[in-house]
C-alpha atoms as a PDB file:
ATOM      1  CA  MET A   1     -13.834 -29.685  10.264  1.00  0.00           C
ATOM      2  CA  LYS A   2     -10.400 -29.110  11.426  1.00  0.00           C
ATOM      3  CA  VAL A   3      -7.506 -27.285   9.310  1.00  0.00           C
ATOM      4  CA  GLY A   4      -4.721 -25.545   9.209  1.00  0.00           C
ATOM      5  CA  ILE A   5      -4.058 -21.524   9.747  1.00  0.00           C
ATOM      6  CA  GLY A   6      -3.833 -20.923   6.224  1.00  0.00           C
ATOM      7  CA  ARG A   7      -6.581 -22.721   4.910  1.00  0.00           C
ATOM      8  CA  ALA A   8      -8.839 -21.079   7.717  1.00  0.00           C
ATOM      9  CA  ALA A   9      -7.061 -17.399   6.329  1.00  0.00           C
ATOM     10  CA  THR A  10      -8.150 -18.187   2.849  1.00  0.00           C
ATOM     11  CA  GLU A  11     -11.774 -19.919   3.626  1.00  0.00           C
ATOM     12  CA  LEU A  12     -12.538 -16.908   6.029  1.00  0.00           C
ATOM     13  CA  GLY A  13     -11.110 -13.946   4.120  1.00  0.00           C
ATOM     14  CA  VAL A  14      -8.717 -12.771   6.710  1.00  0.00           C
ATOM     15  CA  SER A  15      -4.929 -12.507   7.373  1.00  0.00           C
ATOM     16  CA  ARG A  16      -3.139 -14.895   9.337  1.00  0.00           C
ATOM     17  CA  ASP A  17      -2.195 -12.230  11.719  1.00  0.00           C
ATOM     18  CA  THR A  18      -6.030 -11.763  12.389  1.00  0.00           C
ATOM     19  CA  LEU A  19      -6.778 -15.515  13.522  1.00  0.00           C
ATOM     20  CA  ARG A  20      -3.890 -15.136  15.698  1.00  0.00           C
ATOM     21  CA  ARG A  21      -5.133 -11.991  17.419  1.00  0.00           C
ATOM     22  CA  TRP A  22      -8.146 -13.776  17.704  1.00  0.00           C
ATOM     23  CA  GLU A  23      -6.138 -16.448  19.410  1.00  0.00           C
ATOM     24  CA  ALA A  24      -4.371 -14.090  21.659  1.00  0.00           C
ATOM     25  CA  ALA A  25      -7.629 -12.029  22.855  1.00  0.00           C
ATOM     26  CA  GLY A  26      -9.509 -15.292  23.674  1.00  0.00           C
ATOM     27  CA  LYS A  27     -12.258 -15.303  21.099  1.00  0.00           C
ATOM     28  CA  ILE A  28     -11.433 -18.211  19.491  1.00  0.00           C
ATOM     29  CA  ALA A  29      -9.836 -21.719  21.020  1.00  0.00           C
ATOM     30  CA  VAL A  30      -6.896 -23.313  18.901  1.00  0.00           C
ATOM     31  CA  GLU A  31      -5.908 -26.949  19.023  1.00  0.00           C
ATOM     32  CA  ARG A  32      -2.412 -27.699  18.395  1.00  0.00           C
ATOM     33  CA  THR A  33      -0.958 -30.792  16.841  1.00  0.00           C
ATOM     34  CA  PRO A  34       1.502 -32.870  18.715  1.00  0.00           C
ATOM     35  CA  ALA A  35       4.078 -31.059  16.333  1.00  0.00           C
ATOM     36  CA  GLY A  36       2.868 -27.828  17.585  1.00  0.00           C
ATOM     37  CA  HIS A  37       0.430 -26.616  14.393  1.00  0.00           C
ATOM     38  CA  ARG A  38      -2.466 -24.694  15.252  1.00  0.00           C
ATOM     39  CA  ARG A  39      -6.103 -26.674  13.845  1.00  0.00           C
ATOM     40  CA  TYR A  40      -9.010 -23.998  13.312  1.00  0.00           C
ATOM     41  CA  ASP A  41     -12.721 -25.376  13.533  1.00  0.00           C
ATOM     42  CA  LEU A  42     -14.132 -23.431  10.747  1.00  0.00           C
ATOM     43  CA  ALA A  43     -17.779 -23.715  11.792  1.00  0.00           C
ATOM     44  CA  GLN A  44     -16.998 -21.783  14.717  1.00  0.00           C
ATOM     45  CA  LEU A  45     -14.606 -19.480  12.713  1.00  0.00           C
ATOM     46  CA  ARG A  46     -18.038 -18.719  10.389  1.00  0.00           C
ATOM     47  CA  GLY A  47     -19.836 -18.001  13.463  1.00  0.00           C
ATOM     48  CA  LEU A  48     -17.660 -14.705  14.171  1.00  0.00           C
ATOM     49  CA  VAL A  49     -16.777 -13.597  10.321  1.00  0.00           C
ATOM     50  CA  PRO A  50     -19.521 -14.728   7.811  1.00  0.00           C
ATOM     51  CA  HIS A  51     -17.351 -16.282   4.900  1.00  0.00           C
ATOM     52  CA  ARG A  52     -16.737 -13.834   1.912  1.00  0.00           C
ATOM     53  CA  THR A  53     -15.171 -13.903  -1.427  1.00  0.00           C
ATOM     54  CA  PRO A  54     -13.174 -11.544  -3.106  1.00  0.00           C
ATOM     55  CA  THR A  55     -15.835  -9.688  -5.067  1.00  0.00           C
ATOM     56  CA  GLU A  56     -17.819  -9.159  -1.954  1.00  0.00           C
ATOM     57  CA  ARG A  57     -14.971  -7.644  -0.056  1.00  0.00           C
ATOM     58  CA  ILE A  58     -14.174  -3.789  -0.167  1.00  0.00           C
ATOM     59  CA  THR A  59     -12.534  -2.026  -3.301  1.00  0.00           C
ATOM     60  CA  LEU A  60      -9.589   0.341  -2.109  1.00  0.00           C
ATOM     61  CA  ALA A  61      -8.788   2.935  -4.517  1.00  0.00           C
ATOM     62  CA  TYR A  62      -5.265   4.802  -3.804  1.00  0.00           C
ATOM     63  CA  ALA A  63      -4.512   8.087  -4.963  1.00  0.00           C
ATOM     64  CA  ARG A  64      -1.278   9.755  -4.234  1.00  0.00           C
ATOM     65  CA  VAL A  65       0.808  12.869  -5.257  1.00  0.00           C
ATOM     66  CA  SER A  66       4.143  13.866  -3.823  1.00  0.00           C
ATOM     67  CA  MET A  67       3.544  17.336  -2.870  1.00  0.00           C
ATOM     68  CA  GLN A  68       0.979  19.869  -1.139  1.00  0.00           C
ATOM     69  CA  SER A  69       1.276  22.240  -4.479  1.00  0.00           C
ATOM     70  CA  GLN A  70      -0.329  19.070  -6.487  1.00  0.00           C
ATOM     71  CA  LYS A  71      -3.957  19.320  -4.198  1.00  0.00           C
ATOM     72  CA  LYS A  72      -5.312  19.848  -7.511  1.00  0.00           C
ATOM     73  CA  ASP A  73      -3.958  16.773  -9.308  1.00  0.00           C
ATOM     74  CA  LEU A  74      -4.859  14.654  -6.300  1.00  0.00           C
ATOM     75  CA  LYS A  75      -8.633  15.537  -6.443  1.00  0.00           C
ATOM     76  CA  ASN A  76      -8.992  14.794  -9.883  1.00  0.00           C
ATOM     77  CA  GLN A  77      -7.106  11.748  -9.623  1.00  0.00           C
ATOM     78  CA  VAL A  78      -9.699  11.039  -6.836  1.00  0.00           C
ATOM     79  CA  ASN A  79     -12.563  12.045  -9.469  1.00  0.00           C
ATOM     80  CA  LEU A  80     -11.257   9.440 -11.765  1.00  0.00           C
ATOM     81  CA  LEU A  81     -11.306   6.637  -9.248  1.00  0.00           C
ATOM     82  CA  GLU A  82     -14.505   7.415  -8.007  1.00  0.00           C
ATOM     83  CA  ASP A  83     -16.267   7.628 -11.294  1.00  0.00           C
ATOM     84  CA  TYR A  84     -14.273   4.358 -12.829  1.00  0.00           C
ATOM     85  CA  CYS A  85     -15.680   2.640  -9.356  1.00  0.00           C
ATOM     86  CA  LEU A  86     -19.244   3.707  -9.592  1.00  0.00           C
ATOM     87  CA  ASP A  87     -19.183   2.703 -13.165  1.00  0.00           C
ATOM     88  CA  HIS A  88     -18.322  -0.506 -12.406  1.00  0.00           C
ATOM     89  CA  GLY A  89     -21.091  -1.204  -9.193  1.00  0.00           C
ATOM     90  CA  TRP A  90     -18.155  -1.593  -7.142  1.00  0.00           C
ATOM     91  CA  GLU A  91     -18.417  -0.996  -3.247  1.00  0.00           C
ATOM     92  CA  PHE A  92     -15.524   0.977  -2.233  1.00  0.00           C
ATOM     93  CA  GLU A  93     -13.259   3.809  -0.762  1.00  0.00           C
ATOM     94  CA  VAL A  94     -10.808   5.879  -1.503  1.00  0.00           C
ATOM     95  CA  ILE A  95      -7.145   6.333   0.603  1.00  0.00           C
ATOM     96  CA  GLU A  96      -5.713   9.512  -0.333  1.00  0.00           C
ATOM     97  CA  ASP A  97      -1.732  10.153   0.391  1.00  0.00           C
ATOM     98  CA  LEU A  98       0.865  12.809   0.053  1.00  0.00           C
ATOM     99  CA  GLY A  99       4.344  11.556  -0.033  1.00  0.00           C
ATOM    100  CA  SER A 100       7.228  10.529  -2.762  1.00  0.00           C
ATOM    101  CA  GLY A 101       6.889   7.499  -4.783  1.00  0.00           C
ATOM    102  CA  VAL A 102       9.890   6.498  -2.836  1.00  0.00           C
ATOM    103  CA  ASN A 103       8.642   7.124   0.882  1.00  0.00           C
ATOM    104  CA  TYR A 104       7.509   3.712   2.408  1.00  0.00           C
ATOM    105  CA  ARG A 105       6.116   5.593   5.510  1.00  0.00           C
ATOM    106  CA  LYS A 106       3.341   7.738   3.864  1.00  0.00           C
ATOM    107  CA  SER A 107       0.052   7.312   6.351  1.00  0.00           C
ATOM    108  CA  GLY A 108      -2.336   5.733   3.561  1.00  0.00           C
ATOM    109  CA  LEU A 109       0.221   3.399   2.423  1.00  0.00           C
ATOM    110  CA  ARG A 110       0.786   1.782   5.736  1.00  0.00           C
ATOM    111  CA  LYS A 111      -3.425   1.561   6.023  1.00  0.00           C
ATOM    112  CA  LEU A 112      -3.638   0.635   2.558  1.00  0.00           C
ATOM    113  CA  ILE A 113      -1.219  -2.654   3.549  1.00  0.00           C
ATOM    114  CA  GLN A 114      -2.403  -2.974   6.908  1.00  0.00           C
ATOM    115  CA  ARG A 115      -6.404  -3.669   5.108  1.00  0.00           C
ATOM    116  CA  ILE A 116      -4.989  -5.941   2.717  1.00  0.00           C
ATOM    117  CA  CYS A 117      -3.251  -8.126   5.520  1.00  0.00           C
ATOM    118  CA  ASP A 118      -6.458  -8.234   7.132  1.00  0.00           C
ATOM    119  CA  GLY A 119      -7.926  -9.675   4.332  1.00  0.00           C
ATOM    120  CA  ASP A 120     -10.491  -6.700   4.188  1.00  0.00           C
ATOM    121  CA  VAL A 121      -9.650  -5.758   0.727  1.00  0.00           C
ATOM    122  CA  GLY A 122     -10.969  -7.655  -2.344  1.00  0.00           C
ATOM    123  CA  ARG A 123     -10.028  -5.481  -5.018  1.00  0.00           C
ATOM    124  CA  LEU A 124      -7.059  -2.059  -5.397  1.00  0.00           C
ATOM    125  CA  VAL A 125      -7.575   0.377  -7.699  1.00  0.00           C
ATOM    126  CA  MET A 126      -4.820   2.876  -9.130  1.00  0.00           C
ATOM    127  CA  THR A 127      -4.756   5.304 -11.741  1.00  0.00           C
ATOM    128  CA  ASP A 128      -1.540   3.864 -12.542  1.00  0.00           C
ATOM    129  CA  ARG A 129       1.164   1.637 -11.062  1.00  0.00           C
ATOM    130  CA  ASP A 130       3.675   4.361  -9.591  1.00  0.00           C
ATOM    131  CA  ARG A 131       1.405   6.190  -7.565  1.00  0.00           C
ATOM    132  CA  LEU A 132       1.688   3.350  -5.328  1.00  0.00           C
ATOM    133  CA  LEU A 133       5.466   3.184  -5.359  1.00  0.00           C
ATOM    134  CA  ARG A 134       8.073   3.752  -7.229  1.00  0.00           C
ATOM    135  CA  PHE A 135      10.431   1.096  -6.496  1.00  0.00           C
ATOM    136  CA  GLY A 136       9.417  -2.164  -4.809  1.00  0.00           C
ATOM    137  CA  ILE A 137       5.899  -2.483  -6.219  1.00  0.00           C
ATOM    138  CA  ASP A 138       6.299  -6.030  -6.933  1.00  0.00           C
ATOM    139  CA  LEU A 139       6.279  -6.881  -3.700  1.00  0.00           C
ATOM    140  CA  VAL A 140       3.121  -5.119  -2.746  1.00  0.00           C
ATOM    141  CA  PHE A 141       1.531  -6.906  -5.773  1.00  0.00           C
ATOM    142  CA  ALA A 142       2.844 -10.044  -4.150  1.00  0.00           C
ATOM    143  CA  MET A 143       1.352  -9.688  -1.070  1.00  0.00           C
ATOM    144  CA  CYS A 144      -2.110  -8.858  -2.848  1.00  0.00           C
ATOM    145  CA  GLU A 145      -1.716 -12.012  -4.647  1.00  0.00           C
ATOM    146  CA  ASN A 146      -1.311 -13.544  -1.288  1.00  0.00           C
ATOM    147  CA  PHE A 147      -4.395 -12.399   0.108  1.00  0.00           C
ATOM    148  CA  ARG A 148      -6.345 -12.646  -3.095  1.00  0.00           C
ATOM    149  CA  THR A 149      -6.760  -9.345  -3.509  1.00  0.00           C
ATOM    150  CA  GLU A 150      -7.049  -8.179  -7.295  1.00  0.00           C
ATOM    151  CA  VAL A 151      -5.404  -5.011  -8.701  1.00  0.00           C
ATOM    152  CA  VAL A 152      -6.685  -2.946 -11.316  1.00  0.00           C
ATOM    153  CA  ILE A 153      -4.378   0.279 -12.848  1.00  0.00           C
ATOM    154  CA  MET A 154      -6.350   2.504 -14.896  1.00  0.00           C
ATOM    155  CA  ASN A 155      -3.118   3.893 -16.995  1.00  0.00           C
ATOM    156  CA  VAL A 156      -4.287   7.217 -17.229  1.00  0.00           C
ATOM    157  CA  SER A 157      -1.246   9.020 -16.287  1.00  0.00           C
ATOM    158  CA  SER A 158       0.469  10.689 -19.042  1.00  0.00           C
ATOM    159  CA  LEU A 159       4.312  10.742 -19.428  1.00  0.00           C
ATOM    160  CA  GLU A 160       4.681  14.401 -18.089  1.00  0.00           C
ATOM    161  CA  ASP A 161       3.162  13.471 -15.432  1.00  0.00           C
ATOM    162  CA  PHE A 162       5.747  10.827 -14.459  1.00  0.00           C
ATOM    163  CA  GLU A 163       8.696  13.022 -15.634  1.00  0.00           C
ATOM    164  CA  ASP A 164       7.385  15.372 -13.208  1.00  0.00           C
ATOM    165  CA  ASP A 165       7.074  12.874 -10.062  1.00  0.00           C
ATOM    166  CA  ILE A 166      10.702  11.129 -10.947  1.00  0.00           C
ATOM    167  CA  ALA A 167      12.339  14.859 -10.793  1.00  0.00           C
ATOM    168  CA  GLU A 168      10.319  15.410  -7.543  1.00  0.00           C
ATOM    169  CA  ASP A 169      11.289  12.007  -5.903  1.00  0.00           C
ATOM    170  CA  ILE A 170      15.173  12.843  -7.141  1.00  0.00           C
ATOM    171  CA  LEU A 171      14.668  16.046  -4.846  1.00  0.00           C
ATOM    172  CA  GLU A 172      13.854  14.445  -2.074  1.00  0.00           C
ATOM    173  CA  ILE A 173      16.460  11.455  -2.236  1.00  0.00           C
ATOM    174  CA  ILE A 174      19.185  14.399  -3.099  1.00  0.00           C
ATOM    175  CA  THR A 175      17.464  16.085   0.375  1.00  0.00           C
ATOM    176  CA  VAL A 176      17.660  13.586   2.502  1.00  0.00           C
ATOM    177  CA  PHE A 177      21.403  12.482   1.102  1.00  0.00           C
ATOM    178  CA  SER A 178      22.346  16.181   1.887  1.00  0.00           C
ATOM    179  CA  ALA A 179      21.438  16.557   5.155  1.00  0.00           C
ATOM    180  CA  ARG A 180      23.031  13.090   6.211  1.00  0.00           C
ATOM    181  CA  LEU A 181      26.275  15.465   4.836  1.00  0.00           C
ATOM    182  CA  TYR A 182      25.343  18.674   6.483  1.00  0.00           C
ATOM    183  CA  GLY A 183      27.905  19.563   9.406  1.00  0.00           C
ATOM    184  CA  SER A 184      30.522  17.700   7.976  1.00  0.00           C
ATOM    185  CA  HIS A 185      33.906  19.780   8.229  1.00  0.00           C
ATOM    186  CA  ASN A 186      35.453  17.326   5.443  1.00  0.00           C
ATOM    187  CA  ASP A 187      35.880  19.240   2.179  1.00  0.00           C
ATOM    188  CA  LYS A 188      34.972  16.582  -0.214  1.00  0.00           C
ATOM    189  CA  ASN A 189      31.837  16.234   1.332  1.00  0.00           C
ATOM    190  CA  GLN A 190      30.977  20.283   1.417  1.00  0.00           C
ATOM    191  CA  LYS A 191      31.575  19.866  -1.906  1.00  0.00           C
ATOM    192  CA  ILE A 192      29.482  17.083  -2.670  1.00  0.00           C
ATOM    193  CA  ILE A 193      26.721  19.020  -1.088  1.00  0.00           C
ATOM    194  CA  GLU A 194      27.121  22.264  -3.088  1.00  0.00           C
ATOM    195  CA  ARG A 195      27.044  19.908  -6.400  1.00  0.00           C
ATOM    196  CA  LEU A 196      23.570  18.345  -5.159  1.00  0.00           C
ATOM    197  CA  MET A 197      22.516  21.728  -4.509  1.00  0.00           C
ATOM    198  CA  ASP A 198      22.991  22.632  -7.866  1.00  0.00           C
ATOM    199  CA  ILE A 199      21.464  19.675  -9.242  1.00  0.00           C
ATOM    200  CA  ALA A 200      18.328  20.272  -7.327  1.00  0.00           C
ATOM    201  CA  LYS A 201      18.068  24.001  -8.259  1.00  0.00           C
ATOM    202  CA  GLU A 202      18.496  22.929 -12.013  1.00  0.00           C
ATOM    203  CA  LEU A 203      15.639  19.920 -11.263  1.00  0.00           C
ATOM    204  CA  ALA A 204      13.664  22.806  -9.607  1.00  0.00           C
ATOM    205  CA  ASP A 205      14.176  25.510 -12.867  1.00  0.00           C
END
């Protein structure tokens, strides 16, 4: 049976990019329609990757803290995720991350997104939605929906934890903003830097 790239990716539980990489590497033969659209032989593809439903794919548990001083909190978070996944009988892996919730370049987050886009992840589990990202998380959730990745949020974070994380994110934004203004001899910029540093000290207290 010959199908398009979207149907092939969905049937096999892999991403479209994965199919394109297989084609570029010569692993699979791809036919082209007169209009240039790819057509895949499902029987051939299933010989490379057994068909898997979302529930048969791996569960990824994602844990994050903002600072090195919170390593104990990270361990507690990991323990909660492990217990939760074990209680549900899921095959799982834990991805640990260190960095602000406004940082989109964290190594763990990038690994998580790549795994989802490769079609390897059937379920994403977090203690709280803000563990993943502070802003823009709905885009990640839309990506999960596209790749048929279920999102499970335990909602165990306290209000105090949330407020602490917000304060840490604000501190990071202030630090980055101040660094960009640093070195300027403009009196107005210097006053802004001084005010930002005052705010940072207040947040740290």
